[in-house]
Amino acid sequence: MSQSAVQEILQRIQELPDEERLLLEARLAELAEDEWRQAAAEARRAARARGIDQAAIDRAIEELRRPS
């Protein structure tokens, strides 16, 4: 997407009535949440495939927190 297209979209968003802008913001938040959930699910699958479970993560964090 070109910079001019992005500018045009931003301009059109600024021109929206408050109610419509709030609806747009809510929908964008929903999309971001959906993307985050999908990424988290994929990360969990990848971790399981590598044999990494919550106990292994907890141990690694504890090792990092211990003073040397």
Protein backbone atom coordinates (compact mmCIF):
# COMPACT_ATOMS: atom_id res chain seq x y z
CA MET A 1 0.00 0.00 0.00
CA SER A 2 1.42 3.35 -0.98
CA GLN A 3 1.98 6.19 1.42
CA SER A 4 -0.64 8.27 -0.38
CA ALA A 5 -3.21 5.50 0.05
CA VAL A 6 -2.45 5.35 3.76
CA GLN A 7 -2.80 9.12 4.03
CA GLU A 8 -6.15 8.97 2.24
CA ILE A 9 -7.40 6.27 4.63
CA LEU A 10 -6.28 8.28 7.65
CA GLN A 11 -8.00 11.37 6.29
CA ARG A 12 -11.24 9.46 5.76
CA ILE A 13 -11.05 8.08 9.30
CA GLN A 14 -10.63 11.58 10.69
CA GLU A 15 -13.75 12.64 8.83
CA LEU A 16 -15.91 9.90 10.37
CA PRO A 17 -18.53 10.88 12.91
CA ASP A 18 -17.55 9.94 16.47
CA GLU A 19 -19.95 7.00 16.62
CA GLU A 20 -18.59 5.46 13.42
CA ARG A 21 -15.00 6.05 14.52
CA LEU A 22 -15.72 4.24 17.79
CA LEU A 23 -17.18 1.32 15.84
CA LEU A 24 -14.08 1.24 13.63
CA GLU A 25 -11.77 1.30 16.66
CA ALA A 26 -13.71 -1.54 18.27
CA ARG A 27 -13.53 -3.64 15.10
CA LEU A 28 -9.79 -3.00 14.72
CA ALA A 29 -9.30 -4.05 18.34
CA GLU A 30 -11.23 -7.26 17.64
CA LEU A 31 -9.05 -7.98 14.61
CA ALA A 32 -5.87 -7.38 16.60
CA GLU A 33 -7.12 -9.68 19.37
CA ASP A 34 -7.93 -12.41 16.84
CA GLU A 35 -4.45 -12.11 15.30
CA TRP A 36 -2.85 -12.26 18.77
CA ARG A 37 -4.83 -15.39 19.66
CA GLN A 38 -3.83 -17.09 16.41
CA ALA A 39 -0.17 -16.21 16.95
CA ALA A 40 -0.30 -17.45 20.55
CA ALA A 41 -1.90 -20.72 19.45
CA GLU A 42 0.80 -21.22 16.82
CA ALA A 43 3.52 -20.48 19.38
CA ARG A 44 2.00 -23.06 21.74
CA ARG A 45 1.91 -25.67 18.94
CA ALA A 46 5.54 -24.95 18.05
CA ALA A 47 6.58 -25.19 21.70
CA ARG A 48 4.77 -28.51 22.15
CA ALA A 49 6.40 -29.85 18.98
CA ARG A 50 9.79 -29.02 20.52
CA GLY A 51 8.90 -30.59 23.85
CA ILE A 52 8.67 -27.28 25.67
CA ASP A 53 5.99 -27.21 28.35
CA GLN A 54 5.04 -24.70 31.05
CA ALA A 55 7.34 -26.39 33.58
CA ALA A 56 10.32 -25.95 31.22
CA ILE A 57 9.42 -22.30 30.72
CA ASP A 58 9.10 -21.75 34.47
CA ARG A 59 12.52 -23.38 35.07
CA ALA A 60 14.17 -21.21 32.42
CA ILE A 61 12.69 -18.05 33.92
CA GLU A 62 13.80 -19.06 37.40
CA GLU A 63 17.34 -19.68 36.15
CA LEU A 64 17.43 -16.25 34.54
CA ARG A 65 16.21 -14.58 37.72
CA ARG A 66 18.77 -16.21 39.99
CA PRO A 67 21.73 -13.98 40.74
CA SER A 68 24.97 -15.26 39.25
